[in-house]
N, C-alpha and C. Protein backbone atom coordinates (compact mmCIF):
# COMPACT_ATOMS: atom_id res chain seq x y z
N UNK A 1 -11.41 0.03 5.29
CA UNK A 1 -11.91 1.22 6.29
C UNK A 1 -13.09 1.52 5.31
N UNK A 2 -13.93 1.37 6.54
CA UNK A 2 -15.62 2.17 5.69
C UNK A 2 -15.54 3.37 5.79
N UNK A 3 -17.06 3.87 5.73
CA UNK A 3 -17.69 5.30 5.30
C UNK A 3 -17.68 5.40 6.74
N UNK A 4 -17.54 5.24 7.98
CA UNK A 4 -17.62 5.52 9.09
C UNK A 4 -16.35 5.86 9.36
N UNK A 5 -15.36 5.08 8.96
CA UNK A 5 -13.89 5.29 9.67
C UNK A 5 -13.42 6.61 8.78
N UNK A 6 -13.29 6.81 7.63
CA UNK A 6 -13.02 7.94 6.96
C UNK A 6 -14.27 9.19 7.43
N UNK A 7 -15.34 9.31 8.24
CA UNK A 7 -15.69 9.93 9.08
C UNK A 7 -14.89 10.20 10.11
N UNK A 8 -14.79 9.56 10.94
CA UNK A 8 -14.04 9.58 11.89
C UNK A 8 -13.02 10.45 11.95
N UNK A 9 -11.82 9.85 10.68
CA UNK A 9 -10.57 10.13 10.17
C UNK A 9 -11.16 12.01 9.53
N UNK A 10 -11.79 11.90 8.83
CA UNK A 10 -11.97 13.60 8.45
C UNK A 10 -11.64 14.21 9.66
N UNK A 11 -13.23 14.13 10.64
CA UNK A 11 -12.93 15.05 11.78
C UNK A 11 -11.90 15.28 12.69
N UNK A 12 -11.10 14.04 13.07
CA UNK A 12 -9.77 14.11 13.75
C UNK A 12 -8.77 14.85 12.82
N UNK A 13 -8.57 14.85 11.78
CA UNK A 13 -7.92 15.41 10.97
C UNK A 13 -8.30 16.68 10.94
N UNK A 14 -9.71 17.22 11.14
CA UNK A 14 -10.04 18.51 11.20
C UNK A 14 -9.47 19.17 12.76
N UNK A 15 -9.63 18.14 13.46
CA UNK A 15 -9.41 18.56 15.12
C UNK A 15 -8.96 17.42 15.95
N UNK A 16 -7.66 17.36 15.92
CA UNK A 16 -6.97 16.44 17.28
C UNK A 16 -7.39 16.50 18.22
N UNK A 17 -8.01 17.15 18.73
CA UNK A 17 -7.93 17.85 19.89
C UNK A 17 -9.94 17.37 20.62
N UNK A 18 -10.34 16.41 18.96
CA UNK A 18 -11.98 16.42 19.52
C UNK A 18 -12.12 15.47 20.42
N UNK A 19 -13.12 15.55 21.38
CA UNK A 19 -13.00 14.63 22.52
C UNK A 19 -13.97 13.09 22.13
N UNK A 20 -13.86 11.76 22.55
CA UNK A 20 -14.42 11.19 21.86
C UNK A 20 -16.14 11.32 21.74
N UNK A 21 -16.44 12.23 23.21
CA UNK A 21 -18.03 12.02 23.26
C UNK A 21 -18.65 13.33 22.37
N UNK A 22 -17.42 14.00 21.61
CA UNK A 22 -18.03 15.30 20.84
C UNK A 22 -18.22 14.22 19.36
N UNK A 23 -17.05 13.32 19.17
CA UNK A 23 -16.58 12.51 17.91
C UNK A 23 -17.56 11.58 17.63
N UNK A 24 -18.19 11.28 18.90
CA UNK A 24 -19.39 9.97 18.77
C UNK A 24 -20.59 10.70 18.25
N UNK A 25 -21.01 11.58 18.75
CA UNK A 25 -21.91 12.33 18.65
C UNK A 25 -22.27 12.87 16.70
N UNK A 26 -20.96 13.27 16.47
CA UNK A 26 -21.00 13.66 15.22
C UNK A 26 -20.93 12.56 14.01
N UNK A 27 -21.02 11.38 14.70
CA UNK A 27 -20.93 10.22 13.54
C UNK A 27 -21.79 9.32 13.85
N UNK A 28 -22.59 10.01 14.85
CA UNK A 28 -23.76 9.16 15.59
C UNK A 28 -23.85 7.46 15.89
N UNK A 29 -22.49 7.45 16.89
CA UNK A 29 -22.10 6.05 17.27
C UNK A 29 -21.90 6.33 18.23
N UNK A 30 -22.07 5.14 19.28
CA UNK A 30 -21.70 5.45 20.63
C UNK A 30 -20.47 5.73 21.29
N UNK A 31 -19.97 6.08 22.42
CA UNK A 31 -18.34 6.60 22.59
C UNK A 31 -17.57 5.69 22.27
N UNK A 32 -18.40 4.05 23.41
CA UNK A 32 -17.34 3.21 23.34
C UNK A 32 -16.92 2.14 21.97
N UNK A 33 -18.35 2.85 20.61
CA UNK A 33 -18.09 2.37 19.76
C UNK A 33 -16.87 3.11 18.90
N UNK A 34 -16.87 4.57 18.69
CA UNK A 34 -15.66 5.24 18.30
C UNK A 34 -14.53 5.01 18.74
N UNK A 35 -14.59 5.26 20.65
CA UNK A 35 -13.41 4.89 21.14
C UNK A 35 -12.64 3.38 20.14
N UNK A 36 -13.42 2.33 20.29
CA UNK A 36 -13.03 1.47 19.50
C UNK A 36 -12.29 1.62 18.18
N UNK A 37 -13.25 2.41 16.75
CA UNK A 37 -12.55 2.29 15.77
C UNK A 37 -11.38 3.55 15.84
N UNK A 38 -11.49 4.47 17.06
CA UNK A 38 -10.27 5.06 16.69
C UNK A 38 -8.66 4.55 17.14
N UNK A 39 -9.36 3.30 18.17
CA UNK A 39 -7.91 2.37 18.79
C UNK A 39 -7.35 1.53 17.40
N UNK A 40 -8.58 1.05 17.01
CA UNK A 40 -8.25 -0.11 15.71
C UNK A 40 -7.19 0.34 14.60
N UNK A 41 -7.75 1.95 14.22
CA UNK A 41 -7.08 2.96 13.33
C UNK A 41 -5.98 3.03 13.48
N UNK A 42 -5.48 3.52 14.85
CA UNK A 42 -4.34 3.66 15.65
C UNK A 42 -3.44 2.46 15.40
N UNK A 43 -3.93 1.25 15.58
CA UNK A 43 -3.56 0.28 15.83
C UNK A 43 -2.88 -0.30 14.34
N UNK A 44 -3.65 -0.11 13.54
CA UNK A 44 -3.33 -0.46 12.33
C UNK A 44 -2.05 0.42 11.52
N UNK A 45 -2.42 1.17 12.36
CA UNK A 45 -1.28 2.59 11.60
C UNK A 45 -1.79 3.38 10.48
N UNK A 46 -2.93 3.66 10.66
CA UNK A 46 -3.84 4.57 9.82
C UNK A 46 -3.47 5.92 10.59
N UNK A 47 -3.69 6.39 11.55
CA UNK A 47 -3.32 7.15 12.51
C UNK A 47 -2.10 6.91 13.19
N UNK A 48 -1.01 7.73 12.80
CA UNK A 48 0.14 7.39 13.15
C UNK A 48 0.81 8.34 14.43
N UNK A 49 -0.32 8.88 14.69
CA UNK A 49 0.02 10.60 15.60
C UNK A 49 -0.42 11.42 15.96
N UNK A 50 -0.66 12.58 16.69
CA UNK A 50 -1.18 13.60 16.63
C UNK A 50 0.05 14.93 17.46
N UNK A 51 -0.47 15.48 16.47
CA UNK A 51 0.67 16.86 16.77
C UNK A 51 -0.12 18.07 16.45
N UNK A 52 0.55 18.89 16.93
CA UNK A 52 0.00 20.77 16.69
C UNK A 52 0.53 21.18 15.17
N UNK A 53 0.02 21.74 14.34
CA UNK A 53 0.71 22.24 13.44
C UNK A 53 0.73 23.75 13.57
N UNK A 54 2.49 24.23 13.24
CA UNK A 54 3.13 25.14 14.10
C UNK A 54 3.39 26.00 12.75
N UNK A 55 3.37 27.50 12.35
CA UNK A 55 3.14 28.31 11.63
C UNK A 55 4.58 28.60 11.40
N UNK A 56 5.67 28.10 10.87
CA UNK A 56 6.39 28.40 10.79
C UNK A 56 6.81 29.78 10.68
N UNK A 57 6.18 30.86 10.06
CA UNK A 57 6.61 32.35 9.75
C UNK A 57 6.11 32.82 11.44
N UNK A 58 5.08 32.47 12.01
CA UNK A 58 4.33 33.21 13.86
C UNK A 58 5.98 32.60 14.63
N UNK A 59 6.42 31.11 14.26
CA UNK A 59 7.43 30.57 15.44
C UNK A 59 8.66 31.45 15.10
N UNK A 60 8.97 32.10 14.34
CA UNK A 60 10.41 32.86 13.96
C UNK A 60 10.78 32.27 12.78
N UNK A 61 10.49 31.78 11.85
CA UNK A 61 11.02 31.19 10.81
C UNK A 61 10.48 31.35 9.40
N UNK A 62 10.67 32.87 8.99
CA UNK A 62 9.73 33.58 7.88
C UNK A 62 10.04 33.06 6.43
N UNK A 63 11.34 32.28 6.51
CA UNK A 63 11.64 31.83 4.88
C UNK A 63 11.73 30.35 4.77
N UNK A 64 11.06 30.02 3.97
CA UNK A 64 10.60 28.64 3.52
C UNK A 64 11.13 28.29 2.56
N UNK A 65 12.03 26.99 2.03
CA UNK A 65 12.41 27.04 0.79
C UNK A 65 12.10 25.31 0.73
N UNK A 66 12.14 25.22 -0.82
CA UNK A 66 12.23 23.71 -1.20
C UNK A 66 13.39 23.27 -1.70
N UNK A 67 14.45 22.37 -1.68
CA UNK A 67 15.63 22.03 -2.21
C UNK A 67 15.68 20.17 -2.37
N UNK A 68 16.18 20.33 -3.88
CA UNK A 68 15.93 19.30 -4.45
C UNK A 68 17.57 18.80 -4.51
N UNK A 69 17.76 17.25 -4.48
CA UNK A 69 19.56 17.41 -4.24
C UNK A 69 19.46 16.10 -5.09
N UNK A 70 21.00 16.02 -5.54
CA UNK A 70 21.28 14.49 -6.36
C UNK A 70 22.22 14.41 -5.39
N UNK A 71 22.22 13.01 -4.63
CA UNK A 71 22.91 12.39 -3.76
C UNK A 71 23.93 11.29 -4.66
N UNK A 72 25.22 11.41 -4.62
CA UNK A 72 25.71 10.33 -5.03
C UNK A 72 25.41 8.74 -4.34
N UNK A 73 25.23 7.59 -4.86
CA UNK A 73 24.71 6.57 -3.62
C UNK A 73 25.66 6.60 -2.66
N UNK A 74 26.89 6.28 -2.88
CA UNK A 74 28.17 5.87 -1.70
C UNK A 74 27.68 7.45 -0.37
N UNK A 75 27.43 8.25 -0.90
CA UNK A 75 27.06 9.18 0.08
C UNK A 75 25.68 9.47 0.48
N UNK A 76 24.96 8.52 0.31
CA UNK A 76 23.17 8.75 0.64
C UNK A 76 23.55 8.59 2.76
N UNK A 77 23.85 7.08 3.11
CA UNK A 77 24.00 7.09 4.38
C UNK A 77 24.44 8.28 5.14
N UNK A 78 25.24 8.99 4.60
CA UNK A 78 26.29 10.27 5.64
C UNK A 78 25.33 11.72 5.42
N UNK A 79 24.55 11.92 4.01
CA UNK A 79 23.98 12.89 3.75
C UNK A 79 22.43 12.42 4.98
N UNK A 80 22.05 11.20 4.82
CA UNK A 80 20.82 11.67 5.84
C UNK A 80 20.99 11.68 7.22
N UNK A 81 22.17 11.03 7.78
CA UNK A 81 22.87 11.16 8.96
C UNK A 81 23.06 12.88 9.44
N UNK A 82 23.25 13.74 8.29
CA UNK A 82 23.61 14.84 8.15
C UNK A 82 22.16 15.47 8.99
N UNK A 83 21.17 15.20 7.50
CA UNK A 83 19.77 15.88 8.12
C UNK A 83 19.24 15.39 9.09
N UNK A 84 19.75 14.41 9.99
CA UNK A 84 18.78 14.78 11.06
C UNK A 84 19.75 15.42 11.97
N UNK A 85 21.27 16.29 11.79
CA UNK A 85 21.20 16.75 12.59
C UNK A 85 20.58 18.42 12.13
N UNK A 86 20.16 18.53 11.26
CA UNK A 86 19.40 19.93 10.63
C UNK A 86 18.21 20.24 11.22
N UNK A 87 17.68 20.60 12.13
CA UNK A 87 16.15 20.76 12.70
C UNK A 87 15.23 21.82 11.62
N UNK A 88 16.36 22.80 11.07
CA UNK A 88 15.62 23.50 9.95
C UNK A 88 14.58 22.31 8.58
N UNK A 89 15.54 21.23 8.41
CA UNK A 89 14.31 20.39 7.37
C UNK A 89 13.97 19.75 8.13
N UNK A 90 12.61 20.28 7.80
CA UNK A 90 11.32 19.61 8.68
C UNK A 90 10.31 18.74 7.68
N UNK A 91 10.94 18.39 6.24
CA UNK A 91 10.50 17.04 5.99
C UNK A 91 11.76 16.73 4.45
N UNK A 92 11.68 15.78 4.46
CA UNK A 92 12.83 14.90 3.33
C UNK A 92 12.28 13.84 2.79
N UNK A 93 11.84 13.75 1.37
CA UNK A 93 11.37 12.83 0.25
C UNK A 93 12.39 11.87 -0.32
N UNK A 94 12.89 10.64 -0.50
CA UNK A 94 13.42 10.35 -1.49
C UNK A 94 12.50 9.80 -2.49
N UNK A 95 12.86 10.81 -3.57
CA UNK A 95 11.91 10.93 -4.88
C UNK A 95 12.57 10.28 -6.27
N UNK A 96 11.91 9.93 -7.20
CA UNK A 96 12.63 9.44 -8.40
C UNK A 96 12.60 10.59 -9.14
N UNK A 97 13.29 10.57 -10.62
CA UNK A 97 13.93 11.98 -11.07
C UNK A 97 14.94 12.24 -11.37
N UNK A 98 15.38 13.61 -11.85
CA UNK A 98 16.29 14.34 -11.47
C UNK A 98 17.05 14.39 -10.13
N UNK A 99 16.24 14.43 -9.47
CA UNK A 99 16.41 14.55 -7.84
C UNK A 99 16.71 13.33 -6.86
N UNK A 100 17.68 13.31 -6.32
CA UNK A 100 17.85 11.68 -5.16
C UNK A 100 16.77 12.18 -4.15
N UNK A 101 16.91 13.58 -3.55
CA UNK A 101 15.67 13.73 -2.49
C UNK A 101 15.21 15.30 -2.87
N UNK A 102 13.72 14.96 -2.26
CA UNK A 102 13.49 16.77 -1.67
C UNK A 102 12.68 16.53 -0.90
N UNK A 103 13.61 18.18 -0.18
CA UNK A 103 13.31 18.44 1.91
C UNK A 103 12.42 19.78 1.50
N UNK A 104 11.84 20.09 2.65
CA UNK A 104 11.89 21.18 2.99
C UNK A 104 12.57 21.78 3.64
N UNK A 105 12.91 23.22 4.02
CA UNK A 105 13.25 23.80 4.62
C UNK A 105 12.83 24.97 5.57
N UNK A 106 13.09 25.78 6.89
CA UNK A 106 12.50 26.93 7.30
C UNK A 106 14.06 27.02 7.53
N UNK A 107 13.86 28.88 8.08
CA UNK A 107 15.15 29.59 8.35
C UNK A 107 14.71 30.82 8.66
N UNK A 108 15.76 31.37 9.56
CA UNK A 108 15.35 32.67 10.52
C UNK A 108 15.56 34.10 9.12
N UNK A 109 16.37 33.47 8.23
CA UNK A 109 16.71 34.81 7.08
C UNK A 109 17.38 34.13 6.04
N UNK A 110 17.52 34.95 5.06
CA UNK A 110 18.03 34.36 3.98
C UNK A 110 19.52 33.86 4.07
N UNK A 111 19.99 34.41 4.70
CA UNK A 111 21.76 34.37 5.44
C UNK A 111 21.75 32.95 6.29
N UNK A 112 20.60 32.90 7.06
CA UNK A 112 20.49 31.20 7.61
C UNK A 112 19.92 29.98 6.39
N UNK A 113 19.23 30.60 5.62
CA UNK A 113 19.26 29.70 4.31
C UNK A 113 20.77 29.03 3.91
N UNK A 114 21.20 30.37 3.28
CA UNK A 114 22.26 30.31 2.60
C UNK A 114 23.09 29.11 3.60
N UNK A 115 23.45 29.37 4.75
CA UNK A 115 24.33 28.51 5.70
C UNK A 115 23.57 27.33 5.64
N UNK A 116 22.29 26.78 5.95
CA UNK A 116 21.81 25.60 5.61
C UNK A 116 22.19 24.83 4.13
N UNK A 117 22.30 25.24 3.24
CA UNK A 117 22.37 25.12 1.79
C UNK A 117 24.37 24.63 1.98
N UNK A 118 24.86 25.52 2.21
CA UNK A 118 26.22 25.14 2.03
C UNK A 118 26.72 24.24 3.08
N UNK A 119 25.61 23.85 3.94
CA UNK A 119 25.77 22.16 4.47
C UNK A 119 25.67 20.80 4.15
N UNK A 120 23.96 21.72 3.29
CA UNK A 120 23.78 20.69 2.32
C UNK A 120 24.62 20.06 0.97
N UNK A 121 25.21 20.90 0.74
CA UNK A 121 25.65 21.09 -0.73
C UNK A 121 26.99 20.13 -0.78
N UNK A 122 27.53 19.65 0.53
CA UNK A 122 28.48 19.22 0.67
C UNK A 122 28.44 17.74 0.13
N UNK A 123 27.25 17.11 0.04
CA UNK A 123 26.58 15.85 -0.40
C UNK A 123 26.33 16.02 -1.71
N UNK A 124 26.07 16.82 -2.47
CA UNK A 124 25.11 16.78 -4.23
C UNK A 124 25.53 17.81 -4.16
N UNK A 125 24.93 18.19 -5.95
CA UNK A 125 24.18 19.08 -6.60
C UNK A 125 22.64 19.64 -6.11
N UNK A 126 22.96 20.89 -5.75
CA UNK A 126 20.87 21.48 -4.83
C UNK A 126 20.27 21.94 -6.26
N UNK A 127 19.44 22.35 -6.21
CA UNK A 127 18.48 22.95 -6.88
C UNK A 127 17.15 23.68 -5.50
N UNK A 128 17.26 24.95 -4.98
CA UNK A 128 16.26 25.49 -3.88
C UNK A 128 15.16 26.83 -4.92
N UNK A 129 14.18 26.12 -4.74
CA UNK A 129 13.38 26.99 -4.55
C UNK A 129 12.47 27.97 -3.49
N UNK A 130 12.83 28.89 -3.16
CA UNK A 130 12.24 30.15 -2.14
C UNK A 130 10.22 29.91 -2.11
N UNK A 131 9.52 29.29 -1.22
CA UNK A 131 8.34 29.04 -1.56
C UNK A 131 7.99 31.08 -0.79
N UNK A 132 7.24 31.53 -2.32
CA UNK A 132 6.80 32.80 -2.14
C UNK A 132 5.27 32.90 -1.26
N UNK A 133 4.64 31.85 -1.45
CA UNK A 133 3.35 31.98 -0.41
C UNK A 133 2.87 30.27 -1.10
N UNK A 134 1.60 29.80 0.07
CA UNK A 134 1.34 28.24 0.14
C UNK A 134 0.09 28.70 -0.07
N UNK A 135 -0.82 28.63 -1.11
CA UNK A 135 -2.43 28.75 -1.66
C UNK A 135 -2.83 27.88 -1.15
N UNK A 136 -2.30 26.71 -0.97
CA UNK A 136 -2.99 24.94 -0.37
C UNK A 136 -1.95 24.64 0.50
N UNK A 137 -1.83 24.83 1.60
CA UNK A 137 -1.55 24.13 3.07
C UNK A 137 -1.79 22.90 2.93
N UNK A 138 -0.70 22.32 3.48
CA UNK A 138 -1.26 20.82 3.65
C UNK A 138 -2.87 20.45 4.34
N UNK A 139 -3.11 19.55 4.00
CA UNK A 139 -4.24 19.08 4.16
C UNK A 139 -4.66 17.47 4.70
N UNK A 140 -5.56 17.30 5.12
CA UNK A 140 -5.86 15.73 5.81
C UNK A 140 -5.97 15.14 4.43
N UNK A 141 -6.31 13.62 4.40
CA UNK A 141 -6.53 12.74 3.40
C UNK A 141 -8.14 12.78 3.18
N UNK A 142 -9.00 12.76 2.06
CA UNK A 142 -10.18 12.07 1.88
C UNK A 142 -10.04 10.79 1.54
N UNK A 143 -11.13 10.21 1.76
CA UNK A 143 -11.56 9.15 1.16
C UNK A 143 -11.12 8.89 -0.10
N UNK A 144 -10.32 7.84 -0.95
CA UNK A 144 -9.89 7.62 -2.23
C UNK A 144 -11.46 7.68 -2.89
N UNK A 145 -11.15 8.44 -4.33
CA UNK A 145 -12.50 8.25 -5.13
C UNK A 145 -12.51 6.71 -5.50
N UNK A 146 -11.71 6.13 -6.02
CA UNK A 146 -12.27 4.83 -6.10
C UNK A 146 -12.82 4.02 -5.24
N UNK A 147 -12.80 4.11 -3.84
CA UNK A 147 -13.22 3.63 -2.46
C UNK A 147 -14.83 4.16 -2.68
N UNK A 148 -14.80 5.64 -3.05
CA UNK A 148 -16.20 6.02 -2.16
C UNK A 148 -17.23 5.50 -3.92
N UNK A 149 -17.02 4.71 -4.83
CA UNK A 149 -17.24 4.76 -6.19
C UNK A 149 -17.96 3.06 -6.18
N UNK A 150 -17.86 2.61 -4.65
CA UNK A 150 -18.31 0.86 -5.23
C UNK A 150 -17.17 0.07 -4.61
N UNK A 151 -16.07 0.12 -4.78
CA UNK A 151 -14.84 -0.99 -4.55
C UNK A 151 -14.69 -0.99 -2.73
N UNK A 152 -14.23 -2.35 -2.73
CA UNK A 152 -14.61 -2.68 -1.44
C UNK A 152 -12.83 -2.38 -0.76
N UNK A 153 -12.98 -2.32 0.63
CA UNK A 153 -11.37 -2.02 1.23
C UNK A 153 -11.43 -0.96 1.91
């Protein structure tokens, strides 16, 4: 990926609804050239979708928690199937360390969170951290420092 690809990605991450005309204007390319770049980035899997960011608290989910769980190997498939049935689990990561998985959940209340944890606890030992605030919300990717210092790729 070159510098222009990263400029396009930066603009799309800031505003996924930006028009190709505006995108082309901001990166100093023609509309067909920027359209081709975006299509190439999509085909390569660099851009893997477009979505609206939803504020959980404003949408009725004021409680957010991070839960780590240690799941025994024989139960992993059933555990992952369970997570598919719980829409309040908004992301889950298979990790190294003390936990097998770390997930982020949202809930409408502490009682609701407790019910969710009880369902998840059937598959292993959990550790829950309640999110008090988010000083650094999810953000877009920037060009890797190594890539901007002369390495190719």
